[in-house]
Amino acid sequence: MSSSTPKTEVIMTLSAIGETHSRTSVQTRDVSTIIDEPEIRGGTNRGLSPTETMMSSLIGCTNVISKKIAHKMGFELGEMDITLKAKFDRRGTMLEEEVEIPFPSITMDIEVDTNASEEQMNAMKIDLAKFCPIAKVLRGSGVEIVENWIVNPL
């Protein structure tokens, strides 16, 4: 295998320090981030909460994988405007009772400029469901993800 061929399986390594009851500093590669709670929940509001971090991962994965698919299929996807709304049953995080599916539904409104045909967009959406690892994990745990695409021709 040549050194330019990407590995198909890798080990991701992250390290973290739980600085306070609500704030965690996370490092991976040469980047770091803070996961924190809002002040109303005793945090310092210096970063996204753990659940917001997970939802932002879904948004980021949707952007990256959609654009990879579009490139492979030979069309352009411009800047994507994504709005996510998640129904969140917080009883588990409040330690009231175990919740089987804390996020029963997630809706993403995705607006994008593209030169893709309707057929190409439909094929891209099918591949996105196959290849976005964050969406696959969420769907596999019982979360319903609805994507509402608003497509503007280039």
N, C-alpha and C. Protein backbone atom coordinates (compact mmCIF):
# COMPACT_ATOMS: atom_id res chain seq x y z
N MET A 1 0.86 -1.17 0.00
CA MET A 1 0.00 0.00 0.00
C MET A 1 0.90 1.24 0.00
N SER A 2 0.63 2.17 -0.89
CA SER A 2 1.45 3.37 -0.95
C SER A 2 1.10 4.29 0.21
N SER A 3 2.04 5.18 0.54
CA SER A 3 1.82 6.08 1.67
C SER A 3 0.73 7.11 1.38
N SER A 4 0.35 7.28 0.10
CA SER A 4 -0.70 8.25 -0.22
C SER A 4 -2.10 7.65 -0.13
N THR A 5 -2.20 6.35 0.05
CA THR A 5 -3.50 5.71 0.19
C THR A 5 -3.97 5.85 1.63
N PRO A 6 -5.12 6.46 1.85
CA PRO A 6 -5.61 6.62 3.22
C PRO A 6 -5.93 5.28 3.86
N LYS A 7 -5.69 5.20 5.17
CA LYS A 7 -6.04 3.99 5.92
C LYS A 7 -7.56 3.92 6.02
N THR A 8 -8.10 2.73 5.95
CA THR A 8 -9.55 2.57 6.06
C THR A 8 -10.00 2.46 7.51
N GLU A 9 -9.08 2.16 8.41
CA GLU A 9 -9.43 2.08 9.82
C GLU A 9 -8.33 2.75 10.61
N VAL A 10 -8.72 3.65 11.50
CA VAL A 10 -7.76 4.38 12.32
C VAL A 10 -8.25 4.39 13.76
N ILE A 11 -7.34 4.69 14.65
CA ILE A 11 -7.69 4.88 16.05
C ILE A 11 -7.69 6.38 16.32
N MET A 12 -8.83 6.90 16.73
CA MET A 12 -8.92 8.32 17.11
C MET A 12 -8.48 8.43 18.56
N THR A 13 -7.64 9.42 18.84
CA THR A 13 -7.17 9.64 20.20
C THR A 13 -7.49 11.05 20.62
N LEU A 14 -8.23 11.17 21.69
CA LEU A 14 -8.53 12.46 22.29
C LEU A 14 -8.14 12.36 23.76
N SER A 15 -7.76 13.48 24.34
CA SER A 15 -7.51 13.49 25.78
C SER A 15 -8.26 14.68 26.35
N ALA A 16 -8.59 14.59 27.62
CA ALA A 16 -9.40 15.64 28.22
C ALA A 16 -9.07 15.81 29.69
N ILE A 17 -9.35 17.00 30.19
CA ILE A 17 -9.23 17.30 31.61
C ILE A 17 -10.57 17.88 32.05
N GLY A 18 -11.19 17.24 33.02
CA GLY A 18 -12.41 17.77 33.61
C GLY A 18 -12.03 18.86 34.61
N GLU A 19 -12.01 20.09 34.15
CA GLU A 19 -11.50 21.21 34.96
C GLU A 19 -12.41 21.56 36.13
N THR A 20 -13.72 21.51 35.89
CA THR A 20 -14.69 21.80 36.94
C THR A 20 -15.81 20.78 36.79
N HIS A 21 -16.86 20.95 37.57
CA HIS A 21 -18.01 20.03 37.46
C HIS A 21 -18.71 20.16 36.11
N SER A 22 -18.47 21.27 35.38
CA SER A 22 -19.19 21.48 34.12
C SER A 22 -18.29 21.72 32.92
N ARG A 23 -17.02 22.00 33.11
CA ARG A 23 -16.14 22.37 32.00
C ARG A 23 -15.07 21.31 31.79
N THR A 24 -14.94 20.91 30.52
CA THR A 24 -13.94 19.93 30.13
C THR A 24 -13.12 20.49 28.98
N SER A 25 -11.80 20.43 29.09
CA SER A 25 -10.92 20.82 27.99
C SER A 25 -10.52 19.55 27.24
N VAL A 26 -10.74 19.56 25.92
CA VAL A 26 -10.48 18.38 25.10
C VAL A 26 -9.41 18.73 24.07
N GLN A 27 -8.46 17.81 23.88
CA GLN A 27 -7.41 17.98 22.90
C GLN A 27 -7.37 16.78 21.96
N THR A 28 -7.12 17.07 20.67
CA THR A 28 -6.86 16.03 19.69
C THR A 28 -6.03 16.66 18.58
N ARG A 29 -5.17 15.87 17.98
CA ARG A 29 -4.23 16.41 16.99
C ARG A 29 -3.56 17.65 17.59
N ASP A 30 -3.63 18.77 16.88
CA ASP A 30 -3.03 20.00 17.40
C ASP A 30 -4.12 21.04 17.70
N VAL A 31 -5.32 20.57 18.01
CA VAL A 31 -6.43 21.48 18.32
C VAL A 31 -7.03 21.14 19.69
N SER A 32 -7.66 22.15 20.27
CA SER A 32 -8.34 21.92 21.54
C SER A 32 -9.67 22.66 21.53
N THR A 33 -10.54 22.21 22.37
CA THR A 33 -11.85 22.84 22.50
C THR A 33 -12.30 22.73 23.95
N ILE A 34 -13.28 23.51 24.28
CA ILE A 34 -13.86 23.46 25.63
C ILE A 34 -15.31 23.03 25.49
N ILE A 35 -15.70 22.08 26.31
CA ILE A 35 -17.10 21.68 26.43
C ILE A 35 -17.53 22.19 27.80
N ASP A 36 -18.63 22.91 27.83
CA ASP A 36 -19.04 23.57 29.06
C ASP A 36 -20.56 23.65 29.12
N GLU A 37 -21.06 23.99 30.23
CA GLU A 37 -22.49 24.20 30.41
C GLU A 37 -22.76 25.71 30.48
N PRO A 38 -23.98 26.12 30.13
CA PRO A 38 -24.31 27.53 30.29
C PRO A 38 -24.33 27.93 31.77
N GLU A 39 -24.22 29.20 32.02
CA GLU A 39 -24.20 29.69 33.40
C GLU A 39 -25.43 29.27 34.18
N ILE A 40 -26.58 29.23 33.51
CA ILE A 40 -27.83 28.87 34.20
C ILE A 40 -27.76 27.45 34.78
N ARG A 41 -26.87 26.60 34.22
CA ARG A 41 -26.70 25.24 34.73
C ARG A 41 -25.37 25.08 35.48
N GLY A 42 -24.83 26.19 35.94
CA GLY A 42 -23.64 26.13 36.78
C GLY A 42 -22.32 26.15 36.03
N GLY A 43 -22.37 26.35 34.72
CA GLY A 43 -21.15 26.39 33.93
C GLY A 43 -20.62 27.79 33.77
N THR A 44 -19.59 27.91 32.94
CA THR A 44 -19.00 29.22 32.67
C THR A 44 -19.29 29.68 31.24
N ASN A 45 -20.06 28.89 30.48
CA ASN A 45 -20.51 29.25 29.14
C ASN A 45 -19.34 29.51 28.18
N ARG A 46 -18.22 28.78 28.36
CA ARG A 46 -17.05 28.99 27.52
C ARG A 46 -17.02 28.06 26.31
N GLY A 47 -18.01 27.20 26.18
CA GLY A 47 -18.07 26.29 25.04
C GLY A 47 -19.45 25.69 24.92
N LEU A 48 -19.61 24.89 23.89
CA LEU A 48 -20.88 24.18 23.71
C LEU A 48 -21.04 23.14 24.80
N SER A 49 -22.28 22.84 25.16
CA SER A 49 -22.55 21.77 26.12
C SER A 49 -22.26 20.43 25.43
N PRO A 50 -22.17 19.35 26.20
CA PRO A 50 -21.95 18.04 25.56
C PRO A 50 -23.00 17.71 24.50
N THR A 51 -24.26 17.99 24.78
CA THR A 51 -25.31 17.66 23.81
C THR A 51 -25.25 18.59 22.60
N GLU A 52 -24.93 19.86 22.82
CA GLU A 52 -24.76 20.78 21.69
C GLU A 52 -23.55 20.38 20.83
N THR A 53 -22.52 19.86 21.48
CA THR A 53 -21.34 19.38 20.75
C THR A 53 -21.73 18.23 19.83
N MET A 54 -22.56 17.31 20.34
CA MET A 54 -23.00 16.19 19.51
C MET A 54 -23.82 16.68 18.32
N MET A 55 -24.73 17.62 18.55
CA MET A 55 -25.55 18.14 17.45
C MET A 55 -24.69 18.90 16.44
N SER A 56 -23.70 19.64 16.92
CA SER A 56 -22.81 20.35 15.99
C SER A 56 -22.00 19.35 15.17
N SER A 57 -21.70 18.20 15.74
CA SER A 57 -21.00 17.15 14.99
C SER A 57 -21.86 16.63 13.85
N LEU A 58 -23.16 16.50 14.07
CA LEU A 58 -24.06 16.09 13.00
C LEU A 58 -24.08 17.14 11.89
N ILE A 59 -24.14 18.41 12.26
CA ILE A 59 -24.12 19.48 11.26
C ILE A 59 -22.81 19.44 10.47
N GLY A 60 -21.69 19.34 11.16
CA GLY A 60 -20.40 19.31 10.48
C GLY A 60 -20.26 18.11 9.57
N CYS A 61 -20.71 16.96 10.03
CA CYS A 61 -20.64 15.74 9.22
C CYS A 61 -21.51 15.86 7.98
N THR A 62 -22.69 16.44 8.13
CA THR A 62 -23.59 16.64 6.99
C THR A 62 -22.92 17.51 5.94
N ASN A 63 -22.28 18.58 6.36
CA ASN A 63 -21.58 19.48 5.44
C ASN A 63 -20.43 18.75 4.73
N VAL A 64 -19.55 18.11 5.50
CA VAL A 64 -18.36 17.48 4.94
C VAL A 64 -18.73 16.34 3.99
N ILE A 65 -19.57 15.43 4.42
CA ILE A 65 -19.89 14.25 3.62
C ILE A 65 -20.69 14.64 2.38
N SER A 66 -21.64 15.59 2.51
CA SER A 66 -22.40 16.05 1.34
C SER A 66 -21.46 16.59 0.27
N LYS A 67 -20.51 17.39 0.69
CA LYS A 67 -19.59 18.00 -0.28
C LYS A 67 -18.62 16.99 -0.88
N LYS A 68 -18.22 15.99 -0.10
CA LYS A 68 -17.39 14.91 -0.65
C LYS A 68 -18.16 14.14 -1.72
N ILE A 69 -19.41 13.85 -1.43
CA ILE A 69 -20.25 13.12 -2.39
C ILE A 69 -20.45 13.95 -3.65
N ALA A 70 -20.76 15.23 -3.49
CA ALA A 70 -20.97 16.10 -4.65
C ALA A 70 -19.71 16.14 -5.51
N HIS A 71 -18.56 16.27 -4.89
CA HIS A 71 -17.29 16.30 -5.64
C HIS A 71 -17.11 15.00 -6.42
N LYS A 72 -17.36 13.88 -5.76
CA LYS A 72 -17.22 12.58 -6.41
C LYS A 72 -18.20 12.42 -7.57
N MET A 73 -19.41 13.00 -7.43
CA MET A 73 -20.43 12.89 -8.46
C MET A 73 -20.28 13.96 -9.55
N GLY A 74 -19.38 14.94 -9.32
CA GLY A 74 -19.09 15.92 -10.35
C GLY A 74 -19.98 17.15 -10.37
N PHE A 75 -20.54 17.52 -9.23
CA PHE A 75 -21.30 18.77 -9.17
C PHE A 75 -20.86 19.57 -7.97
N GLU A 76 -21.28 20.83 -7.93
CA GLU A 76 -20.87 21.74 -6.87
C GLU A 76 -21.98 21.90 -5.83
N LEU A 77 -21.57 21.93 -4.58
CA LEU A 77 -22.44 22.37 -3.49
C LEU A 77 -21.77 23.59 -2.91
N GLY A 78 -22.46 24.71 -2.92
CA GLY A 78 -21.90 25.94 -2.36
C GLY A 78 -22.02 25.94 -0.85
N GLU A 79 -21.93 27.12 -0.29
CA GLU A 79 -22.06 27.27 1.16
C GLU A 79 -23.40 26.71 1.61
N MET A 80 -23.37 25.96 2.70
CA MET A 80 -24.59 25.36 3.24
C MET A 80 -25.01 26.12 4.49
N ASP A 81 -26.26 26.52 4.54
CA ASP A 81 -26.84 27.11 5.74
C ASP A 81 -27.69 26.02 6.39
N ILE A 82 -27.28 25.59 7.58
CA ILE A 82 -27.96 24.48 8.24
C ILE A 82 -28.51 24.97 9.58
N THR A 83 -29.81 24.74 9.77
CA THR A 83 -30.45 25.01 11.06
C THR A 83 -30.94 23.67 11.60
N LEU A 84 -30.55 23.36 12.81
CA LEU A 84 -30.91 22.09 13.42
C LEU A 84 -31.81 22.35 14.62
N LYS A 85 -32.88 21.56 14.72
CA LYS A 85 -33.74 21.57 15.90
C LYS A 85 -33.87 20.13 16.37
N ALA A 86 -33.57 19.93 17.64
CA ALA A 86 -33.63 18.58 18.21
C ALA A 86 -34.60 18.56 19.38
N LYS A 87 -35.49 17.59 19.37
CA LYS A 87 -36.34 17.36 20.54
C LYS A 87 -35.48 16.62 21.55
N PHE A 88 -35.36 17.16 22.75
CA PHE A 88 -34.45 16.63 23.76
C PHE A 88 -35.22 16.33 25.04
N ASP A 89 -35.30 15.06 25.42
CA ASP A 89 -35.92 14.64 26.66
C ASP A 89 -34.83 14.69 27.74
N ARG A 90 -34.85 15.71 28.56
CA ARG A 90 -33.78 15.97 29.52
C ARG A 90 -33.92 15.23 30.85
N ARG A 91 -34.94 14.39 30.98
CA ARG A 91 -35.12 13.70 32.27
C ARG A 91 -33.88 12.92 32.68
N GLY A 92 -33.16 12.35 31.71
CA GLY A 92 -31.94 11.61 32.04
C GLY A 92 -30.84 12.52 32.57
N THR A 93 -30.60 13.63 31.89
CA THR A 93 -29.55 14.55 32.34
C THR A 93 -29.91 15.21 33.67
N MET A 94 -31.19 15.24 33.98
CA MET A 94 -31.64 15.81 35.25
C MET A 94 -31.67 14.74 36.35
N LEU A 95 -31.25 13.51 35.99
CA LEU A 95 -31.18 12.36 36.90
C LEU A 95 -32.54 11.96 37.46
N GLU A 96 -33.60 12.26 36.68
CA GLU A 96 -34.94 11.89 37.11
C GLU A 96 -35.25 10.44 36.78
N GLU A 97 -34.91 10.03 35.57
CA GLU A 97 -35.11 8.64 35.16
C GLU A 97 -34.32 8.38 33.88
N GLU A 98 -34.03 7.13 33.63
CA GLU A 98 -33.32 6.77 32.41
C GLU A 98 -34.23 7.02 31.21
N VAL A 99 -33.66 7.59 30.17
CA VAL A 99 -34.40 7.86 28.94
C VAL A 99 -33.78 7.02 27.84
N GLU A 100 -34.57 6.16 27.23
CA GLU A 100 -34.06 5.25 26.19
C GLU A 100 -33.51 6.02 24.98
N ILE A 101 -34.28 7.00 24.50
CA ILE A 101 -33.86 7.79 23.34
C ILE A 101 -33.97 9.27 23.72
N PRO A 102 -32.87 9.87 24.21
CA PRO A 102 -32.94 11.26 24.66
C PRO A 102 -33.30 12.25 23.55
N PHE A 103 -32.95 11.92 22.31
CA PHE A 103 -33.26 12.79 21.17
C PHE A 103 -34.14 12.02 20.20
N PRO A 104 -35.45 11.97 20.43
CA PRO A 104 -36.31 11.17 19.55
C PRO A 104 -36.36 11.70 18.12
N SER A 105 -36.18 13.01 17.95
CA SER A 105 -36.24 13.54 16.59
C SER A 105 -35.32 14.75 16.44
N ILE A 106 -34.72 14.81 15.26
CA ILE A 106 -33.86 15.92 14.88
C ILE A 106 -34.31 16.35 13.49
N THR A 107 -34.48 17.65 13.30
CA THR A 107 -34.83 18.19 11.99
C THR A 107 -33.75 19.18 11.59
N MET A 108 -33.24 19.00 10.38
CA MET A 108 -32.26 19.93 9.83
C MET A 108 -32.84 20.57 8.59
N ASP A 109 -32.86 21.91 8.57
CA ASP A 109 -33.18 22.66 7.37
C ASP A 109 -31.85 23.03 6.73
N ILE A 110 -31.65 22.55 5.51
CA ILE A 110 -30.36 22.70 4.83
C ILE A 110 -30.59 23.47 3.54
N GLU A 111 -30.04 24.68 3.47
CA GLU A 111 -30.16 25.49 2.26
C GLU A 111 -28.80 25.52 1.58
N VAL A 112 -28.80 25.26 0.27
CA VAL A 112 -27.54 25.19 -0.45
C VAL A 112 -27.73 25.66 -1.89
N ASP A 113 -26.70 26.31 -2.42
CA ASP A 113 -26.64 26.66 -3.84
C ASP A 113 -25.89 25.55 -4.55
N THR A 114 -26.45 25.09 -5.68
CA THR A 114 -25.81 23.98 -6.38
C THR A 114 -26.15 24.00 -7.87
N ASN A 115 -25.28 23.37 -8.64
CA ASN A 115 -25.55 23.17 -10.06
C ASN A 115 -26.04 21.75 -10.32
N ALA A 116 -26.37 21.02 -9.27
CA ALA A 116 -26.81 19.63 -9.39
C ALA A 116 -28.23 19.55 -9.95
N SER A 117 -28.47 18.47 -10.69
CA SER A 117 -29.83 18.18 -11.13
C SER A 117 -30.62 17.58 -9.96
N GLU A 118 -31.91 17.49 -10.12
CA GLU A 118 -32.73 16.87 -9.07
C GLU A 118 -32.31 15.43 -8.84
N GLU A 119 -31.98 14.71 -9.91
CA GLU A 119 -31.54 13.32 -9.78
C GLU A 119 -30.23 13.23 -9.02
N GLN A 120 -29.30 14.13 -9.31
CA GLN A 120 -28.02 14.13 -8.59
C GLN A 120 -28.23 14.44 -7.11
N MET A 121 -29.09 15.39 -6.81
CA MET A 121 -29.36 15.72 -5.41
C MET A 121 -29.99 14.54 -4.68
N ASN A 122 -30.92 13.86 -5.33
CA ASN A 122 -31.55 12.69 -4.71
C ASN A 122 -30.52 11.60 -4.44
N ALA A 123 -29.62 11.36 -5.39
CA ALA A 123 -28.57 10.36 -5.20
C ALA A 123 -27.62 10.78 -4.07
N MET A 124 -27.31 12.06 -4.00
CA MET A 124 -26.43 12.56 -2.94
C MET A 124 -27.06 12.36 -1.57
N LYS A 125 -28.37 12.62 -1.45
CA LYS A 125 -29.06 12.44 -0.17
C LYS A 125 -29.04 10.98 0.27
N ILE A 126 -29.21 10.07 -0.68
CA ILE A 126 -29.15 8.64 -0.36
C ILE A 126 -27.77 8.27 0.15
N ASP A 127 -26.73 8.76 -0.55
CA ASP A 127 -25.36 8.47 -0.12
C ASP A 127 -25.03 9.13 1.22
N LEU A 128 -25.56 10.31 1.46
CA LEU A 128 -25.32 10.98 2.73
C LEU A 128 -25.81 10.11 3.89
N ALA A 129 -26.98 9.53 3.75
CA ALA A 129 -27.52 8.64 4.79
C ALA A 129 -26.64 7.41 4.98
N LYS A 130 -25.99 6.97 3.92
CA LYS A 130 -25.11 5.79 3.99
C LYS A 130 -23.76 6.10 4.64
N PHE A 131 -23.25 7.32 4.40
CA PHE A 131 -21.84 7.58 4.70
C PHE A 131 -21.55 8.56 5.84
N CYS A 132 -22.52 9.31 6.33
CA CYS A 132 -22.24 10.22 7.45
C CYS A 132 -22.23 9.41 8.75
N PRO A 133 -21.06 9.22 9.37
CA PRO A 133 -21.00 8.34 10.55
C PRO A 133 -21.80 8.86 11.73
N ILE A 134 -21.89 10.17 11.90
CA ILE A 134 -22.64 10.71 13.03
C ILE A 134 -24.13 10.41 12.86
N ALA A 135 -24.67 10.66 11.66
CA ALA A 135 -26.08 10.37 11.40
C ALA A 135 -26.36 8.87 11.53
N LYS A 136 -25.43 8.04 11.07
CA LYS A 136 -25.63 6.58 11.17
C LYS A 136 -25.73 6.14 12.62
N VAL A 137 -24.87 6.67 13.48
CA VAL A 137 -24.91 6.30 14.90
C VAL A 137 -26.22 6.76 15.52
N LEU A 138 -26.61 7.99 15.22
CA LEU A 138 -27.86 8.51 15.79
C LEU A 138 -29.06 7.71 15.31
N ARG A 139 -29.15 7.49 14.00
CA ARG A 139 -30.28 6.71 13.46
C ARG A 139 -30.28 5.29 14.03
N GLY A 140 -29.10 4.71 14.17
CA GLY A 140 -28.99 3.36 14.71
C GLY A 140 -29.45 3.26 16.16
N SER A 141 -29.44 4.38 16.88
CA SER A 141 -29.90 4.37 18.26
C SER A 141 -31.38 4.73 18.38
N GLY A 142 -32.05 4.89 17.23
CA GLY A 142 -33.48 5.14 17.25
C GLY A 142 -33.90 6.58 17.02
N VAL A 143 -32.95 7.46 16.70
CA VAL A 143 -33.27 8.86 16.46
C VAL A 143 -33.80 9.02 15.03
N GLU A 144 -34.90 9.74 14.90
CA GLU A 144 -35.42 10.08 13.57
C GLU A 144 -34.77 11.39 13.14
N ILE A 145 -34.08 11.37 12.00
CA ILE A 145 -33.47 12.58 11.46
C ILE A 145 -34.21 12.95 10.18
N VAL A 146 -34.74 14.15 10.15
CA VAL A 146 -35.44 14.67 8.98
C VAL A 146 -34.57 15.77 8.39
N GLU A 147 -34.29 15.66 7.09
CA GLU A 147 -33.53 16.69 6.39
C GLU A 147 -34.46 17.38 5.40
N ASN A 148 -34.62 18.67 5.58
CA ASN A 148 -35.40 19.48 4.64
C ASN A 148 -34.42 20.29 3.80
N TRP A 149 -34.28 19.90 2.55
CA TRP A 149 -33.32 20.56 1.67
C TRP A 149 -34.00 21.68 0.89
N ILE A 150 -33.40 22.85 0.92
CA ILE A 150 -33.81 23.98 0.11
C ILE A 150 -32.68 24.19 -0.90
N VAL A 151 -32.95 23.88 -2.15
CA VAL A 151 -31.92 23.88 -3.19
C VAL A 151 -32.10 25.09 -4.07
N ASN A 152 -31.06 25.91 -4.15
CA ASN A 152 -31.06 27.10 -5.02
C ASN A 152 -30.11 26.83 -6.17
N PRO A 153 -30.58 26.96 -7.43
CA PRO A 153 -29.69 26.70 -8.55
C PRO A 153 -28.60 27.76 -8.67
N LEU A 154 -27.41 27.31 -9.04
CA LEU A 154 -26.30 28.24 -9.27
C LEU A 154 -26.48 28.99 -10.55
